[in-house]
Protein backbone atom coordinates (compact mmCIF):
# COMPACT_ATOMS: atom_id res chain seq x y z
CA UNK A 1 10.08 -135.75 38.81
CA UNK A 2 9.96 -139.46 38.46
CA UNK A 3 11.80 -140.61 35.42
CA UNK A 4 13.41 -137.29 34.76
CA UNK A 5 17.11 -136.76 34.98
CA UNK A 6 17.39 -133.22 33.90
CA UNK A 7 14.97 -130.29 33.41
CA UNK A 8 16.46 -127.48 31.33
CA UNK A 9 15.17 -124.66 29.10
CA UNK A 10 15.83 -125.60 25.64
CA UNK A 11 15.61 -121.85 24.35
CA UNK A 12 18.69 -121.39 26.35
CA UNK A 13 21.47 -122.76 24.29
CA UNK A 14 24.03 -124.37 24.17
CA UNK A 15 22.51 -127.20 26.26
CA UNK A 16 24.70 -127.97 29.37
CA UNK A 17 26.32 -131.17 28.12
CA UNK A 18 29.69 -132.00 26.42
CA UNK A 19 29.92 -133.19 22.92
CA UNK A 20 29.00 -136.95 22.41
CA UNK A 21 27.82 -137.13 25.94
CA UNK A 22 24.17 -138.42 25.74
CA UNK A 23 23.02 -142.01 24.91
CA UNK A 24 19.24 -141.32 24.36
CA UNK A 25 17.15 -138.25 24.03
CA UNK A 26 13.43 -138.05 24.10
CA UNK A 27 11.65 -134.97 22.79
CA UNK A 28 8.16 -135.42 23.63
CA UNK A 29 5.71 -132.58 22.34
CA UNK A 30 8.20 -129.72 22.52
CA UNK A 31 9.21 -129.09 18.99
CA UNK A 32 5.72 -127.35 18.01
CA UNK A 33 6.60 -124.87 20.87
CA UNK A 34 10.05 -123.70 19.84
CA UNK A 35 12.39 -122.67 17.13
CA UNK A 36 13.52 -126.27 16.82
CA UNK A 37 16.25 -126.10 14.21
CA UNK A 38 18.90 -124.56 16.55
CA UNK A 39 17.78 -127.17 19.26
CA UNK A 40 18.25 -130.04 16.59
CA UNK A 41 21.76 -128.87 15.77
CA UNK A 42 22.57 -128.74 19.61
CA UNK A 43 20.85 -132.26 20.20
CA UNK A 44 23.07 -133.60 17.58
CA UNK A 45 26.19 -132.13 19.07
CA UNK A 46 25.51 -133.73 22.44
CA UNK A 47 24.20 -137.22 20.98
CA UNK A 48 26.86 -139.94 21.03
CA UNK A 49 27.48 -141.63 17.71
CA UNK A 50 25.10 -144.33 17.37
CA UNK A 51 22.74 -142.53 20.09
CA UNK A 52 18.86 -142.62 19.79
CA UNK A 53 16.84 -139.23 19.46
CA UNK A 54 13.02 -139.93 19.66
CA UNK A 55 10.81 -137.00 18.54
CA UNK A 56 6.92 -136.95 19.06
CA UNK A 57 5.08 -134.17 17.97
CA UNK A 58 1.11 -133.86 17.46
CA UNK A 59 -0.25 -135.34 14.11
CA UNK A 60 -1.06 -132.72 11.86
CA UNK A 61 -4.74 -133.83 11.70
CA UNK A 62 -5.15 -133.48 15.65
CA UNK A 63 -7.95 -131.03 16.21
CA UNK A 64 -6.01 -129.35 18.98
CA UNK A 65 -3.00 -128.93 16.71
CA UNK A 66 -4.10 -125.56 15.20
CA UNK A 67 -6.05 -124.14 18.01
CA UNK A 68 -3.20 -124.37 20.77
CA UNK A 69 -1.92 -120.72 20.90
CA UNK A 70 1.47 -122.01 22.26
CA UNK A 71 2.20 -123.83 19.00
CA UNK A 72 4.63 -121.75 16.97
CA UNK A 73 5.50 -124.48 14.30
């Protein structure tokens, strides 16, 4: 896929990266589909000091937010 470096199932922790290895992480519309607390902990582990974690989730007022059966959070 264009612009994608790694594809990995975030439910299979730990993520396949060393501690403090990653400069930037983008989580776009995934946290509403998973138990995100363990994933956040592992993202913190792999992110370099001063690294950037960007999280995007649907706004609570989105009409599709509550009707999507794949949203667990």
